[in-house]
Amino acid sequence: CLRRKKDITIFLTTHYMDEAENCDRIAIIDRGRIIALDTPDNLKKSVRGDVITLDTANNEKAQKIIESRFGRQVVIQDGTLRFEIEDSDRFIPQLFSKLDMEVISINARRPTLDDVFLKLAGRAIREESADALGIARAVVRARRMRGRS
């Protein structure tokens, strides 16, 4: 490891959490403030349990059922329900017994650094990148309009 051999620190800035996964420590910055600083493993442990993504015939109704009957905070992201659960192996059969609708897809997985950012910042990095791109485009349009007048 270069850090141990040469006793140096390398700063890396990235929106790609798979790149950040290779770092010893990660600082997650939201709107100019450090909101988390820890190892990748410890950050992922802050998301308790598994991440469930679910798509049903009626996502709004499913969201209400999961929130009211199971006490889970459910986020709709990219048209899919997303929430955290401690024991997905036990939870999924219970979920199917309570949902009275077609389940199109369901997935349970271990948390990623993207999940950590979503939990801490309340939005996905893609949303922030899209907002920044929109602002950059507006600035370019304004400059072009000034040049024409």
C-alpha atoms as a PDB file:
ATOM      1  CA  CYS A   1       0.000   0.000   0.000  1.00  0.00           C
ATOM      2  CA  LEU A   2       1.432   3.346  -1.073  1.00  0.00           C
ATOM      3  CA  ARG A   3       0.062   5.066   2.026  1.00  0.00           C
ATOM      4  CA  ARG A   4       2.021   2.795   4.365  1.00  0.00           C
ATOM      5  CA  LYS A   5       5.226   2.636   2.290  1.00  0.00           C
ATOM      6  CA  LYS A   6       5.593   6.361   1.642  1.00  0.00           C
ATOM      7  CA  ASP A   7       3.457   7.751   4.494  1.00  0.00           C
ATOM      8  CA  ILE A   8       1.403   9.904   2.139  1.00  0.00           C
ATOM      9  CA  THR A   9      -2.246  10.779   1.739  1.00  0.00           C
ATOM     10  CA  ILE A  10      -4.018  10.914  -1.594  1.00  0.00           C
ATOM     11  CA  PHE A  11      -7.213  12.936  -1.983  1.00  0.00           C
ATOM     12  CA  LEU A  12      -9.705  11.654  -4.535  1.00  0.00           C
ATOM     13  CA  THR A  13     -12.918  13.386  -5.451  1.00  0.00           C
ATOM     14  CA  THR A  14     -15.551  11.388  -7.297  1.00  0.00           C
ATOM     15  CA  HIS A  15     -19.266  10.911  -7.802  1.00  0.00           C
ATOM     16  CA  TYR A  16     -18.626   7.229  -8.555  1.00  0.00           C
ATOM     17  CA  MET A  17     -19.045   5.308  -5.332  1.00  0.00           C
ATOM     18  CA  ASP A  18     -17.478   2.162  -6.793  1.00  0.00           C
ATOM     19  CA  GLU A  19     -14.237   4.182  -7.109  1.00  0.00           C
ATOM     20  CA  ALA A  20     -14.583   5.505  -3.564  1.00  0.00           C
ATOM     21  CA  GLU A  21     -14.974   1.917  -2.342  1.00  0.00           C
ATOM     22  CA  ASN A  22     -11.203   1.458  -2.853  1.00  0.00           C
ATOM     23  CA  CYS A  23     -10.307   4.200  -0.371  1.00  0.00           C
ATOM     24  CA  ASP A  24      -9.282   3.641   3.253  1.00  0.00           C
ATOM     25  CA  ARG A  25     -11.529   6.455   4.492  1.00  0.00           C
ATOM     26  CA  ILE A  26     -14.331   8.340   2.830  1.00  0.00           C
ATOM     27  CA  ALA A  27     -15.764  11.759   3.570  1.00  0.00           C
ATOM     28  CA  ILE A  28     -19.249  12.217   2.166  1.00  0.00           C
ATOM     29  CA  ILE A  29     -19.879  15.870   1.380  1.00  0.00           C
ATOM     30  CA  ASP A  30     -23.365  17.262   0.819  1.00  0.00           C
ATOM     31  CA  ARG A  31     -23.795  20.875  -0.260  1.00  0.00           C
ATOM     32  CA  GLY A  32     -20.313  21.775   0.969  1.00  0.00           C
ATOM     33  CA  ARG A  33     -20.551  20.089   4.391  1.00  0.00           C
ATOM     34  CA  ILE A  34     -18.970  16.818   5.506  1.00  0.00           C
ATOM     35  CA  ILE A  35     -21.916  14.684   6.630  1.00  0.00           C
ATOM     36  CA  ALA A  36     -20.003  11.431   7.201  1.00  0.00           C
ATOM     37  CA  LEU A  37     -16.386  10.357   7.576  1.00  0.00           C
ATOM     38  CA  ASP A  38     -15.438   6.709   8.048  1.00  0.00           C
ATOM     39  CA  THR A  39     -14.263   3.540   6.331  1.00  0.00           C
ATOM     40  CA  PRO A  40     -16.382   2.157   3.475  1.00  0.00           C
ATOM     41  CA  ASP A  41     -17.412  -0.842   5.594  1.00  0.00           C
ATOM     42  CA  ASN A  42     -18.456   1.264   8.575  1.00  0.00           C
ATOM     43  CA  LEU A  43     -20.414   3.645   6.360  1.00  0.00           C
ATOM     44  CA  LYS A  44     -22.298   0.717   4.810  1.00  0.00           C
ATOM     45  CA  LYS A  45     -23.022  -0.687   8.286  1.00  0.00           C
ATOM     46  CA  SER A  46     -24.825   2.584   9.055  1.00  0.00           C
ATOM     47  CA  VAL A  47     -27.529   1.364   6.668  1.00  0.00           C
ATOM     48  CA  ARG A  48     -29.098  -1.257   8.909  1.00  0.00           C
ATOM     49  CA  GLY A  49     -29.746  -4.648   7.347  1.00  0.00           C
ATOM     50  CA  ASP A  50     -30.557  -5.182   3.683  1.00  0.00           C
ATOM     51  CA  VAL A  51     -31.859  -2.834   1.014  1.00  0.00           C
ATOM     52  CA  ILE A  52     -35.097  -3.984  -0.608  1.00  0.00           C
ATOM     53  CA  THR A  53     -36.159  -2.720  -4.018  1.00  0.00           C
ATOM     54  CA  LEU A  54     -39.703  -3.548  -5.045  1.00  0.00           C
ATOM     55  CA  ASP A  55     -41.874  -2.868  -8.064  1.00  0.00           C
ATOM     56  CA  THR A  56     -45.581  -3.673  -7.944  1.00  0.00           C
ATOM     57  CA  ALA A  57     -48.703  -3.080  -9.984  1.00  0.00           C
ATOM     58  CA  ASN A  58     -49.518  -0.192  -7.591  1.00  0.00           C
ATOM     59  CA  ASN A  59     -46.400   1.269  -5.970  1.00  0.00           C
ATOM     60  CA  GLU A  60     -48.234   4.065  -4.133  1.00  0.00           C
ATOM     61  CA  LYS A  61     -50.571   1.558  -2.429  1.00  0.00           C
ATOM     62  CA  ALA A  62     -47.651  -0.773  -1.652  1.00  0.00           C
ATOM     63  CA  GLN A  63     -45.728   2.144  -0.132  1.00  0.00           C
ATOM     64  CA  LYS A  64     -48.626   2.924   2.227  1.00  0.00           C
ATOM     65  CA  ILE A  65     -48.966  -0.738   3.249  1.00  0.00           C
ATOM     66  CA  ILE A  66     -45.249  -1.122   3.987  1.00  0.00           C
ATOM     67  CA  GLU A  67     -45.096   2.130   5.946  1.00  0.00           C
ATOM     68  CA  SER A  68     -48.254   1.477   7.989  1.00  0.00           C
ATOM     69  CA  ARG A  69     -47.991  -2.286   8.607  1.00  0.00           C
ATOM     70  CA  PHE A  70     -44.227  -2.653   8.867  1.00  0.00           C
ATOM     71  CA  GLY A  71     -43.156   0.796  10.086  1.00  0.00           C
ATOM     72  CA  ARG A  72     -40.585   1.241   7.318  1.00  0.00           C
ATOM     73  CA  GLN A  73     -39.744   4.516   5.597  1.00  0.00           C
ATOM     74  CA  VAL A  74     -40.196   3.846   1.870  1.00  0.00           C
ATOM     75  CA  VAL A  75     -38.681   6.008  -0.862  1.00  0.00           C
ATOM     76  CA  ILE A  76     -39.823   5.871  -4.480  1.00  0.00           C
ATOM     77  CA  GLN A  77     -36.692   6.177  -6.610  1.00  0.00           C
ATOM     78  CA  ASP A  78     -36.745   5.786 -10.396  1.00  0.00           C
ATOM     79  CA  GLY A  79     -40.301   4.406 -10.162  1.00  0.00           C
ATOM     80  CA  THR A  80     -39.271   1.649  -7.731  1.00  0.00           C
ATOM     81  CA  LEU A  81     -39.892   1.328  -3.996  1.00  0.00           C
ATOM     82  CA  ARG A  82     -36.749   1.279  -1.862  1.00  0.00           C
ATOM     83  CA  PHE A  83     -36.443   0.649   1.873  1.00  0.00           C
ATOM     84  CA  GLU A  84     -34.230  -1.003   4.474  1.00  0.00           C
ATOM     85  CA  ILE A  85     -35.051  -4.083   6.546  1.00  0.00           C
ATOM     86  CA  GLU A  86     -33.014  -5.947   9.162  1.00  0.00           C
ATOM     87  CA  ASP A  87     -33.797  -9.529   8.105  1.00  0.00           C
ATOM     88  CA  SER A  88     -34.936  -9.740   4.486  1.00  0.00           C
ATOM     89  CA  ASP A  89     -35.162 -13.543   4.512  1.00  0.00           C
ATOM     90  CA  ARG A  90     -37.899 -13.404   7.155  1.00  0.00           C
ATOM     91  CA  PHE A  91     -39.468 -10.175   5.952  1.00  0.00           C
ATOM     92  CA  ILE A  92     -40.159 -11.040   2.301  1.00  0.00           C
ATOM     93  CA  PRO A  93     -42.664 -13.872   3.025  1.00  0.00           C
ATOM     94  CA  GLN A  94     -44.492 -11.556   5.467  1.00  0.00           C
ATOM     95  CA  LEU A  95     -44.553  -8.827   2.841  1.00  0.00           C
ATOM     96  CA  PHE A  96     -46.071 -11.124   0.226  1.00  0.00           C
ATOM     97  CA  SER A  97     -48.819 -12.157   2.659  1.00  0.00           C
ATOM     98  CA  LYS A  98     -49.791  -8.493   3.283  1.00  0.00           C
ATOM     99  CA  LEU A  99     -49.552  -7.155  -0.270  1.00  0.00           C
ATOM    100  CA  ASP A 100     -52.726  -7.876  -2.169  1.00  0.00           C
ATOM    101  CA  MET A 101     -51.342  -6.998  -5.593  1.00  0.00           C
ATOM    102  CA  GLU A 102     -49.056  -8.210  -8.346  1.00  0.00           C
ATOM    103  CA  VAL A 103     -45.354  -8.001  -7.508  1.00  0.00           C
ATOM    104  CA  ILE A 104     -43.408  -7.284 -10.688  1.00  0.00           C
ATOM    105  CA  SER A 105     -39.948  -7.562  -9.103  1.00  0.00           C
ATOM    106  CA  ILE A 106     -38.278  -7.698  -5.713  1.00  0.00           C
ATOM    107  CA  ASN A 107     -34.601  -7.628  -4.809  1.00  0.00           C
ATOM    108  CA  ALA A 108     -32.773  -7.824  -1.482  1.00  0.00           C
ATOM    109  CA  ARG A 109     -29.105  -6.869  -1.335  1.00  0.00           C
ATOM    110  CA  ARG A 110     -26.396  -5.647   0.997  1.00  0.00           C
ATOM    111  CA  PRO A 111     -26.061  -1.843   1.227  1.00  0.00           C
ATOM    112  CA  THR A 112     -23.708   0.065  -1.078  1.00  0.00           C
ATOM    113  CA  LEU A 113     -22.070   3.467  -0.686  1.00  0.00           C
ATOM    114  CA  ASP A 114     -24.801   4.852  -2.970  1.00  0.00           C
ATOM    115  CA  ASP A 115     -27.331   3.692  -0.348  1.00  0.00           C
ATOM    116  CA  VAL A 116     -25.302   5.459   2.343  1.00  0.00           C
ATOM    117  CA  PHE A 117     -25.355   8.727   0.380  1.00  0.00           C
ATOM    118  CA  LEU A 118     -29.097   8.399  -0.257  1.00  0.00           C
ATOM    119  CA  LYS A 119     -29.763   7.794   3.433  1.00  0.00           C
ATOM    120  CA  LEU A 120     -27.567  10.677   4.623  1.00  0.00           C
ATOM    121  CA  ALA A 121     -28.334  13.272   1.949  1.00  0.00           C
ATOM    122  CA  GLY A 122     -31.938  12.295   1.236  1.00  0.00           C
ATOM    123  CA  ARG A 123     -31.380  12.060  -2.504  1.00  0.00           C
ATOM    124  CA  ALA A 124     -29.369  10.054  -4.987  1.00  0.00           C
ATOM    125  CA  ILE A 125     -26.120  11.354  -6.442  1.00  0.00           C
ATOM    126  CA  ARG A 126     -27.706  11.079  -9.908  1.00  0.00           C
ATOM    127  CA  GLU A 127     -30.308  13.664  -8.862  1.00  0.00           C
ATOM    128  CA  GLU A 128     -27.601  16.069  -7.693  1.00  0.00           C
ATOM    129  CA  SER A 129     -25.605  15.556 -10.890  1.00  0.00           C
ATOM    130  CA  ALA A 130     -28.727  16.195 -12.952  1.00  0.00           C
ATOM    131  CA  ASP A 131     -29.397  19.415 -10.996  1.00  0.00           C
ATOM    132  CA  ALA A 132     -25.808  20.584 -11.542  1.00  0.00           C
ATOM    133  CA  LEU A 133     -26.048  19.796 -15.249  1.00  0.00           C
ATOM    134  CA  GLY A 134     -29.282  21.791 -15.493  1.00  0.00           C
ATOM    135  CA  ILE A 135     -27.661  24.776 -13.793  1.00  0.00           C
ATOM    136  CA  ALA A 136     -24.613  24.585 -16.080  1.00  0.00           C
ATOM    137  CA  ARG A 137     -26.855  24.511 -19.152  1.00  0.00           C
ATOM    138  CA  ALA A 138     -28.812  27.529 -17.900  1.00  0.00           C
ATOM    139  CA  VAL A 139     -25.564  29.481 -17.396  1.00  0.00           C
ATOM    140  CA  VAL A 140     -24.417  28.638 -20.940  1.00  0.00           C
ATOM    141  CA  ARG A 141     -27.819  29.713 -22.362  1.00  0.00           C
ATOM    142  CA  ALA A 142     -27.679  33.004 -20.429  1.00  0.00           C
ATOM    143  CA  ARG A 143     -24.176  33.751 -21.708  1.00  0.00           C
ATOM    144  CA  ARG A 144     -25.230  33.037 -25.273  1.00  0.00           C
ATOM    145  CA  MET A 145     -28.234  35.340 -24.917  1.00  0.00           C
ATOM    146  CA  ARG A 146     -26.022  38.141 -23.556  1.00  0.00           C
ATOM    147  CA  GLY A 147     -23.701  37.766 -26.535  1.00  0.00           C
ATOM    148  CA  ARG A 148     -26.634  38.282 -28.938  1.00  0.00           C
ATOM    149  CA  SER A 149     -27.889  41.528 -27.422  1.00  0.00           C
END
